[in-house]
Amino acid sequence: MLYFTRMSSFNVHRKEVLDSSNDIAHRYSHARSCLNKVANFTGLTRSELILKAEKVTGVNLDINTDEEQLLKGFQYLVTLRESRLKIL
């Protein structure tokens, strides 16, 4: 029997990031999954995108801090992703 695993999409992870009923570590984990997807989409490495996001927002998404920082860093990922989608 074959088993197929479904890779979660950016939007599935986004929903988890924005769900305030999840604990902050869980939400950061999903934000990092989104970060990986955006990095792959833009051709950047994960490390390059973490540094770029930190330079622009002041937020290091590798470090779990608080909701305000999470949302600030995550919004950068959303904006970057959407700007790249418009090019296509």
PDB file of N, CA and C in Angstrom:
ATOM      1  N   MET A   1       0.838  -1.173   0.000  1.00  0.00           N
ATOM      2  CA  MET A   1       0.000   0.000   0.000  1.00  0.00           C
ATOM      3  C   MET A   1       0.888   1.244   0.000  1.00  0.00           C
ATOM      4  N   LEU A   2       0.572   2.206  -0.836  1.00  0.00           N
ATOM      5  CA  LEU A   2       1.325   3.437  -0.913  1.00  0.00           C
ATOM      6  C   LEU A   2       0.692   4.487  -0.018  1.00  0.00           C
ATOM      7  N   TYR A   3       1.541   5.213   0.653  1.00  0.00           N
ATOM      8  CA  TYR A   3       1.069   6.322   1.475  1.00  0.00           C
ATOM      9  C   TYR A   3       1.617   7.610   0.887  1.00  0.00           C
ATOM     10  N   PHE A   4       0.767   8.573   0.717  1.00  0.00           N
ATOM     11  CA  PHE A   4       1.187   9.861   0.200  1.00  0.00           C
ATOM     12  C   PHE A   4       1.097  10.876   1.330  1.00  0.00           C
ATOM     13  N   THR A   5       2.157  11.614   1.490  1.00  0.00           N
ATOM     14  CA  THR A   5       2.106  12.682   2.478  1.00  0.00           C
ATOM     15  C   THR A   5       1.874  13.982   1.747  1.00  0.00           C
ATOM     16  N   ARG A   6       1.102  14.827   2.321  1.00  0.00           N
ATOM     17  CA  ARG A   6       0.782  16.110   1.729  1.00  0.00           C
ATOM     18  C   ARG A   6       1.646  17.162   2.401  1.00  0.00           C
ATOM     19  N   MET A   7       2.423  17.833   1.605  1.00  0.00           N
ATOM     20  CA  MET A   7       3.204  18.931   2.160  1.00  0.00           C
ATOM     21  C   MET A   7       2.258  20.082   2.440  1.00  0.00           C
ATOM     22  N   SER A   8       2.382  20.634   3.612  1.00  0.00           N
ATOM     23  CA  SER A   8       1.514  21.752   3.974  1.00  0.00           C
ATOM     24  C   SER A   8       1.881  22.979   3.152  1.00  0.00           C
ATOM     25  N   SER A   9       0.875  23.690   2.744  1.00  0.00           N
ATOM     26  CA  SER A   9       1.085  24.894   1.959  1.00  0.00           C
ATOM     27  C   SER A   9       1.391  26.075   2.878  1.00  0.00           C
ATOM     28  N   PHE A  10       1.853  27.130   2.266  1.00  0.00           N
ATOM     29  CA  PHE A  10       2.102  28.370   3.004  1.00  0.00           C
ATOM     30  C   PHE A  10       0.847  28.789   3.756  1.00  0.00           C
ATOM     31  N   ASN A  11      -0.297  28.700   3.102  1.00  0.00           N
ATOM     32  CA  ASN A  11      -1.544  29.171   3.723  1.00  0.00           C
ATOM     33  C   ASN A  11      -1.975  28.321   4.911  1.00  0.00           C
ATOM     34  N   VAL A  12      -1.656  27.037   4.894  1.00  0.00           N
ATOM     35  CA  VAL A  12      -1.956  26.187   6.053  1.00  0.00           C
ATOM     36  C   VAL A  12      -1.107  26.643   7.240  1.00  0.00           C
ATOM     37  N   HIS A  13       0.172  26.893   6.989  1.00  0.00           N
ATOM     38  CA  HIS A  13       1.045  27.374   8.058  1.00  0.00           C
ATOM     39  C   HIS A  13       0.635  28.775   8.508  1.00  0.00           C
ATOM     40  N   ARG A  14       0.244  29.629   7.571  1.00  0.00           N
ATOM     41  CA  ARG A  14      -0.185  30.988   7.928  1.00  0.00           C
ATOM     42  C   ARG A  14      -1.348  30.937   8.930  1.00  0.00           C
ATOM     43  N   LYS A  15      -2.281  30.061   8.664  1.00  0.00           N
ATOM     44  CA  LYS A  15      -3.433  29.934   9.561  1.00  0.00           C
ATOM     45  C   LYS A  15      -2.983  29.605  10.993  1.00  0.00           C
ATOM     46  N   GLU A  16      -1.996  28.724  11.125  1.00  0.00           N
ATOM     47  CA  GLU A  16      -1.485  28.343  12.441  1.00  0.00           C
ATOM     48  C   GLU A  16      -0.720  29.491  13.103  1.00  0.00           C
ATOM     49  N   VAL A  17       0.012  30.260  12.304  1.00  0.00           N
ATOM     50  CA  VAL A  17       0.739  31.418  12.841  1.00  0.00           C
ATOM     51  C   VAL A  17      -0.242  32.422  13.419  1.00  0.00           C
ATOM     52  N   LEU A  18      -1.323  32.660  12.725  1.00  0.00           N
ATOM     53  CA  LEU A  18      -2.278  33.695  13.121  1.00  0.00           C
ATOM     54  C   LEU A  18      -3.275  33.250  14.183  1.00  0.00           C
ATOM     55  N   ASP A  19      -3.316  31.961  14.491  1.00  0.00           N
ATOM     56  CA  ASP A  19      -4.254  31.434  15.491  1.00  0.00           C
ATOM     57  C   ASP A  19      -3.713  31.690  16.895  1.00  0.00           C
ATOM     58  N   SER A  20      -4.246  32.702  17.542  1.00  0.00           N
ATOM     59  CA  SER A  20      -3.744  33.099  18.858  1.00  0.00           C
ATOM     60  C   SER A  20      -4.066  32.087  19.961  1.00  0.00           C
ATOM     61  N   SER A  21      -4.859  31.074  19.655  1.00  0.00           N
ATOM     62  CA  SER A  21      -5.125  30.036  20.665  1.00  0.00           C
ATOM     63  C   SER A  21      -3.954  29.048  20.755  1.00  0.00           C
ATOM     64  N   ASN A  22      -3.087  29.047  19.735  1.00  0.00           N
ATOM     65  CA  ASN A  22      -1.873  28.211  19.773  1.00  0.00           C
ATOM     66  C   ASN A  22      -0.833  28.891  20.658  1.00  0.00           C
ATOM     67  N   ASP A  23       0.011  28.081  21.309  1.00  0.00           N
ATOM     68  CA  ASP A  23       1.061  28.708  22.114  1.00  0.00           C
ATOM     69  C   ASP A  23       2.105  29.323  21.192  1.00  0.00           C
ATOM     70  N   ILE A  24       2.872  30.241  21.728  1.00  0.00           N
ATOM     71  CA  ILE A  24       3.780  31.047  20.913  1.00  0.00           C
ATOM     72  C   ILE A  24       4.851  30.203  20.227  1.00  0.00           C
ATOM     73  N   ALA A  25       5.347  29.172  20.888  1.00  0.00           N
ATOM     74  CA  ALA A  25       6.377  28.318  20.272  1.00  0.00           C
ATOM     75  C   ALA A  25       5.814  27.601  19.042  1.00  0.00           C
ATOM     76  N   HIS A  26       4.578  27.149  19.150  1.00  0.00           N
ATOM     77  CA  HIS A  26       3.907  26.474  18.034  1.00  0.00           C
ATOM     78  C   HIS A  26       3.749  27.443  16.859  1.00  0.00           C
ATOM     79  N   ARG A  27       3.373  28.652  17.162  1.00  0.00           N
ATOM     80  CA  ARG A  27       3.172  29.659  16.118  1.00  0.00           C
ATOM     81  C   ARG A  27       4.482  30.037  15.446  1.00  0.00           C
ATOM     82  N   TYR A  28       5.553  30.165  16.240  1.00  0.00           N
ATOM     83  CA  TYR A  28       6.868  30.448  15.655  1.00  0.00           C
ATOM     84  C   TYR A  28       7.319  29.304  14.761  1.00  0.00           C
ATOM     85  N   SER A  29       7.050  28.087  15.160  1.00  0.00           N
ATOM     86  CA  SER A  29       7.420  26.934  14.350  1.00  0.00           C
ATOM     87  C   SER A  29       6.757  27.008  12.972  1.00  0.00           C
ATOM     88  N   HIS A  30       5.496  27.372  12.954  1.00  0.00           N
ATOM     89  CA  HIS A  30       4.792  27.505  11.671  1.00  0.00           C
ATOM     90  C   HIS A  30       5.307  28.708  10.879  1.00  0.00           C
ATOM     91  N   ALA A  31       5.706  29.760  11.564  1.00  0.00           N
ATOM     92  CA  ALA A  31       6.287  30.921  10.871  1.00  0.00           C
ATOM     93  C   ALA A  31       7.592  30.505  10.191  1.00  0.00           C
ATOM     94  N   ARG A  32       8.370  29.662  10.862  1.00  0.00           N
ATOM     95  CA  ARG A  32       9.615  29.181  10.251  1.00  0.00           C
ATOM     96  C   ARG A  32       9.334  28.268   9.061  1.00  0.00           C
ATOM     97  N   SER A  33       8.242  27.520   9.117  1.00  0.00           N
ATOM     98  CA  SER A  33       7.854  26.717   7.943  1.00  0.00           C
ATOM     99  C   SER A  33       7.503  27.637   6.778  1.00  0.00           C
ATOM    100  N   CYS A  34       6.801  28.723   7.068  1.00  0.00           N
ATOM    101  CA  CYS A  34       6.498  29.712   6.025  1.00  0.00           C
ATOM    102  C   CYS A  34       7.782  30.334   5.497  1.00  0.00           C
ATOM    103  N   LEU A  35       8.705  30.628   6.398  1.00  0.00           N
ATOM    104  CA  LEU A  35       9.981  31.197   6.005  1.00  0.00           C
ATOM    105  C   LEU A  35      10.693  30.269   5.028  1.00  0.00           C
ATOM    106  N   ASN A  36      10.697  28.979   5.318  1.00  0.00           N
ATOM    107  CA  ASN A  36      11.335  28.008   4.420  1.00  0.00           C
ATOM    108  C   ASN A  36      10.678  28.011   3.050  1.00  0.00           C
ATOM    109  N   LYS A  37       9.367  28.093   3.020  1.00  0.00           N
ATOM    110  CA  LYS A  37       8.652  28.098   1.744  1.00  0.00           C
ATOM    111  C   LYS A  37       8.960  29.365   0.944  1.00  0.00           C
ATOM    112  N   VAL A  38       9.005  30.508   1.625  1.00  0.00           N
ATOM    113  CA  VAL A  38       9.324  31.767   0.940  1.00  0.00           C
ATOM    114  C   VAL A  38      10.773  31.743   0.453  1.00  0.00           C
ATOM    115  N   ALA A  39      11.675  31.208   1.271  1.00  0.00           N
ATOM    116  CA  ALA A  39      13.078  31.106   0.847  1.00  0.00           C
ATOM    117  C   ALA A  39      13.193  30.272  -0.421  1.00  0.00           C
ATOM    118  N   ASN A  40      12.544  29.135  -0.447  1.00  0.00           N
ATOM    119  CA  ASN A  40      12.575  28.284  -1.638  1.00  0.00           C
ATOM    120  C   ASN A  40      11.979  28.998  -2.841  1.00  0.00           C
ATOM    121  N   PHE A  41      10.910  29.710  -2.614  1.00  0.00           N
ATOM    122  CA  PHE A  41      10.187  30.408  -3.683  1.00  0.00           C
ATOM    123  C   PHE A  41      11.024  31.543  -4.267  1.00  0.00           C
ATOM    124  N   THR A  42      11.789  32.223  -3.406  1.00  0.00           N
ATOM    125  CA  THR A  42      12.558  33.385  -3.858  1.00  0.00           C
ATOM    126  C   THR A  42      13.966  33.036  -4.299  1.00  0.00           C
ATOM    127  N   GLY A  43      14.397  31.808  -4.033  1.00  0.00           N
ATOM    128  CA  GLY A  43      15.747  31.406  -4.397  1.00  0.00           C
ATOM    129  C   GLY A  43      16.793  31.760  -3.353  1.00  0.00           C
ATOM    130  N   LEU A  44      16.343  32.276  -2.213  1.00  0.00           N
ATOM    131  CA  LEU A  44      17.258  32.568  -1.116  1.00  0.00           C
ATOM    132  C   LEU A  44      17.438  31.326  -0.261  1.00  0.00           C
ATOM    133  N   THR A  45      18.537  31.269   0.472  1.00  0.00           N
ATOM    134  CA  THR A  45      18.659  30.202   1.465  1.00  0.00           C
ATOM    135  C   THR A  45      17.871  30.616   2.696  1.00  0.00           C
ATOM    136  N   ARG A  46      17.602  29.651   3.541  1.00  0.00           N
ATOM    137  CA  ARG A  46      16.895  29.934   4.790  1.00  0.00           C
ATOM    138  C   ARG A  46      17.661  30.973   5.606  1.00  0.00           C
ATOM    139  N   SER A  47      18.955  30.778   5.716  1.00  0.00           N
ATOM    140  CA  SER A  47      19.798  31.701   6.493  1.00  0.00           C
ATOM    141  C   SER A  47      19.796  33.107   5.903  1.00  0.00           C
ATOM    142  N   GLU A  48      19.866  33.194   4.589  1.00  0.00           N
ATOM    143  CA  GLU A  48      19.831  34.511   3.929  1.00  0.00           C
ATOM    144  C   GLU A  48      18.523  35.231   4.226  1.00  0.00           C
ATOM    145  N   LEU A  49      17.413  34.492   4.168  1.00  0.00           N
ATOM    146  CA  LEU A  49      16.123  35.119   4.407  1.00  0.00           C
ATOM    147  C   LEU A  49      15.958  35.522   5.870  1.00  0.00           C
ATOM    148  N   ILE A  50      16.455  34.718   6.790  1.00  0.00           N
ATOM    149  CA  ILE A  50      16.395  35.095   8.208  1.00  0.00           C
ATOM    150  C   ILE A  50      17.148  36.409   8.427  1.00  0.00           C
ATOM    151  N   LEU A  51      18.346  36.510   7.842  1.00  0.00           N
ATOM    152  CA  LEU A  51      19.132  37.739   7.989  1.00  0.00           C
ATOM    153  C   LEU A  51      18.453  38.932   7.329  1.00  0.00           C
ATOM    154  N   LYS A  52      17.892  38.714   6.154  1.00  0.00           N
ATOM    155  CA  LYS A  52      17.199  39.795   5.444  1.00  0.00           C
ATOM    156  C   LYS A  52      15.984  40.280   6.240  1.00  0.00           C
ATOM    157  N   ALA A  53      15.203  39.341   6.755  1.00  0.00           N
ATOM    158  CA  ALA A  53      14.024  39.702   7.550  1.00  0.00           C
ATOM    159  C   ALA A  53      14.434  40.457   8.806  1.00  0.00           C
ATOM    160  N   GLU A  54      15.515  40.016   9.431  1.00  0.00           N
ATOM    161  CA  GLU A  54      15.978  40.684  10.653  1.00  0.00           C
ATOM    162  C   GLU A  54      16.470  42.102  10.346  1.00  0.00           C
ATOM    163  N   LYS A  55      17.151  42.250   9.222  1.00  0.00           N
ATOM    164  CA  LYS A  55      17.652  43.574   8.837  1.00  0.00           C
ATOM    165  C   LYS A  55      16.496  44.546   8.593  1.00  0.00           C
ATOM    166  N   VAL A  56      15.449  44.065   7.939  1.00  0.00           N
ATOM    167  CA  VAL A  56      14.313  44.927   7.594  1.00  0.00           C
ATOM    168  C   VAL A  56      13.394  45.175   8.794  1.00  0.00           C
ATOM    169  N   THR A  57      13.146  44.138   9.588  1.00  0.00           N
ATOM    170  CA  THR A  57      12.140  44.242  10.652  1.00  0.00           C
ATOM    171  C   THR A  57      12.710  44.322  12.064  1.00  0.00           C
ATOM    172  N   GLY A  58      13.967  43.900  12.215  1.00  0.00           N
ATOM    173  CA  GLY A  58      14.530  43.824  13.556  1.00  0.00           C
ATOM    174  C   GLY A  58      14.137  42.565  14.301  1.00  0.00           C
ATOM    175  N   VAL A  59      13.493  41.631  13.585  1.00  0.00           N
ATOM    176  CA  VAL A  59      12.997  40.398  14.209  1.00  0.00           C
ATOM    177  C   VAL A  59      13.776  39.205  13.670  1.00  0.00           C
ATOM    178  N   ASN A  60      14.282  38.380  14.574  1.00  0.00           N
ATOM    179  CA  ASN A  60      14.917  37.125  14.201  1.00  0.00           C
ATOM    180  C   ASN A  60      13.897  36.012  14.432  1.00  0.00           C
ATOM    181  N   LEU A  61      13.373  35.469  13.360  1.00  0.00           N
ATOM    182  CA  LEU A  61      12.330  34.451  13.480  1.00  0.00           C
ATOM    183  C   LEU A  61      12.850  33.113  13.995  1.00  0.00           C
ATOM    184  N   ASP A  62      14.155  32.983  14.168  1.00  0.00           N
ATOM    185  CA  ASP A  62      14.715  31.770  14.772  1.00  0.00           C
ATOM    186  C   ASP A  62      14.617  31.797  16.298  1.00  0.00           C
ATOM    187  N   ILE A  63      14.266  32.956  16.848  1.00  0.00           N
ATOM    188  CA  ILE A  63      14.185  33.103  18.299  1.00  0.00           C
ATOM    189  C   ILE A  63      12.737  33.374  18.690  1.00  0.00           C
ATOM    190  N   ASN A  64      12.177  32.488  19.499  1.00  0.00           N
ATOM    191  CA  ASN A  64      10.799  32.677  19.969  1.00  0.00           C
ATOM    192  C   ASN A  64      10.768  33.799  21.002  1.00  0.00           C
ATOM    193  N   THR A  65      10.093  34.883  20.669  1.00  0.00           N
ATOM    194  CA  THR A  65       9.960  35.972  21.637  1.00  0.00           C
ATOM    195  C   THR A  65       8.490  36.163  21.974  1.00  0.00           C
ATOM    196  N   ASP A  66       7.881  37.189  21.443  1.00  0.00           N
ATOM    197  CA  ASP A  66       6.481  37.455  21.783  1.00  0.00           C
ATOM    198  C   ASP A  66       5.638  37.592  20.512  1.00  0.00           C
ATOM    199  N   GLU A  67       4.351  37.748  20.726  1.00  0.00           N
ATOM    200  CA  GLU A  67       3.419  37.813  19.600  1.00  0.00           C
ATOM    201  C   GLU A  67       3.684  39.016  18.704  1.00  0.00           C
ATOM    202  N   GLU A  68       3.997  40.147  19.289  1.00  0.00           N
ATOM    203  CA  GLU A  68       4.243  41.346  18.490  1.00  0.00           C
ATOM    204  C   GLU A  68       5.409  41.122  17.518  1.00  0.00           C
ATOM    205  N   GLN A  69       6.491  40.553  18.009  1.00  0.00           N
ATOM    206  CA  GLN A  69       7.645  40.274  17.161  1.00  0.00           C
ATOM    207  C   GLN A  69       7.317  39.218  16.111  1.00  0.00           C
ATOM    208  N   LEU A  70       6.592  38.193  16.525  1.00  0.00           N
ATOM    209  CA  LEU A  70       6.170  37.139  15.599  1.00  0.00           C
ATOM    210  C   LEU A  70       5.401  37.736  14.428  1.00  0.00           C
ATOM    211  N   LEU A  71       4.409  38.543  14.728  1.00  0.00           N
ATOM    212  CA  LEU A  71       3.557  39.098  13.676  1.00  0.00           C
ATOM    213  C   LEU A  71       4.306  40.085  12.794  1.00  0.00           C
ATOM    214  N   LYS A  72       5.211  40.833  13.386  1.00  0.00           N
ATOM    215  CA  LYS A  72       6.014  41.780  12.607  1.00  0.00           C
ATOM    216  C   LYS A  72       6.902  41.034  11.605  1.00  0.00           C
ATOM    217  N   GLY A  73       7.594  40.014  12.078  1.00  0.00           N
ATOM    218  CA  GLY A  73       8.442  39.221  11.190  1.00  0.00           C
ATOM    219  C   GLY A  73       7.639  38.456  10.159  1.00  0.00           C
ATOM    220  N   PHE A  74       6.521  37.903  10.591  1.00  0.00           N
ATOM    221  CA  PHE A  74       5.688  37.131   9.680  1.00  0.00           C
ATOM    222  C   PHE A  74       5.099  38.015   8.585  1.00  0.00           C
ATOM    223  N   GLN A  75       4.690  39.221   8.936  1.00  0.00           N
ATOM    224  CA  GLN A  75       4.129  40.130   7.934  1.00  0.00           C
ATOM    225  C   GLN A  75       5.146  40.431   6.840  1.00  0.00           C
ATOM    226  N   TYR A  76       6.409  40.517   7.211  1.00  0.00           N
ATOM    227  CA  TYR A  76       7.454  40.712   6.200  1.00  0.00           C
ATOM    228  C   TYR A  76       7.463  39.540   5.215  1.00  0.00           C
ATOM    229  N   LEU A  77       7.364  38.307   5.733  1.00  0.00           N
ATOM    230  CA  LEU A  77       7.344  37.131   4.856  1.00  0.00           C
ATOM    231  C   LEU A  77       6.153  37.169   3.911  1.00  0.00           C
ATOM    232  N   VAL A  78       4.998  37.541   4.439  1.00  0.00           N
ATOM    233  CA  VAL A  78       3.781  37.618   3.623  1.00  0.00           C
ATOM    234  C   VAL A  78       3.958  38.657   2.516  1.00  0.00           C
ATOM    235  N   THR A  79       4.473  39.810   2.884  1.00  0.00           N
ATOM    236  CA  THR A  79       4.670  40.891   1.910  1.00  0.00           C
ATOM    237  C   THR A  79       5.665  40.480   0.832  1.00  0.00           C
ATOM    238  N   LEU A  80       6.769  39.859   1.235  1.00  0.00           N
ATOM    239  CA  LEU A  80       7.770  39.405   0.262  1.00  0.00           C
ATOM    240  C   LEU A  80       7.172  38.363  -0.672  1.00  0.00           C
ATOM    241  N   ARG A  81       6.452  37.423  -0.116  1.00  0.00           N
ATOM    242  CA  ARG A  81       5.825  36.370  -0.934  1.00  0.00           C
ATOM    243  C   ARG A  81       4.834  36.965  -1.924  1.00  0.00           C
ATOM    244  N   GLU A  82       3.980  37.868  -1.440  1.00  0.00           N
ATOM    245  CA  GLU A  82       2.960  38.463  -2.316  1.00  0.00           C
ATOM    246  C   GLU A  82       3.591  39.304  -3.416  1.00  0.00           C
ATOM    247  N   SER A  83       4.684  39.995  -3.086  1.00  0.00           N
ATOM    248  CA  SER A  83       5.347  40.819  -4.120  1.00  0.00           C
ATOM    249  C   SER A  83       5.943  39.915  -5.208  1.00  0.00           C
ATOM    250  N   ARG A  84       6.442  38.752  -4.833  1.00  0.00           N
ATOM    251  CA  ARG A  84       6.998  37.814  -5.819  1.00  0.00           C
ATOM    252  C   ARG A  84       5.886  37.171  -6.640  1.00  0.00           C
ATOM    253  N   LEU A  85       4.743  36.921  -6.023  1.00  0.00           N
ATOM    254  CA  LEU A  85       3.629  36.330  -6.759  1.00  0.00           C
ATOM    255  C   LEU A  85       3.106  37.284  -7.829  1.00  0.00           C
ATOM    256  N   LYS A  86       3.141  38.571  -7.555  1.00  0.00           N
ATOM    257  CA  LYS A  86       2.664  39.555  -8.532  1.00  0.00           C
ATOM    258  C   LYS A  86       3.525  39.561  -9.787  1.00  0.00           C
ATOM    259  N   ILE A  87       4.799  39.228  -9.628  1.00  0.00           N
ATOM    260  CA  ILE A  87       5.716  39.191 -10.765  1.00  0.00           C
ATOM    261  C   ILE A  87       5.330  38.064 -11.731  1.00  0.00           C
ATOM    262  N   LEU A  88       4.843  36.961 -11.144  1.00  0.00           N
ATOM    263  CA  LEU A  88       4.462  35.833 -11.975  1.00  0.00           C
ATOM    264  C   LEU A  88       3.211  36.168 -12.719  1.00  0.00           C
TER     265      LEU A  88
END
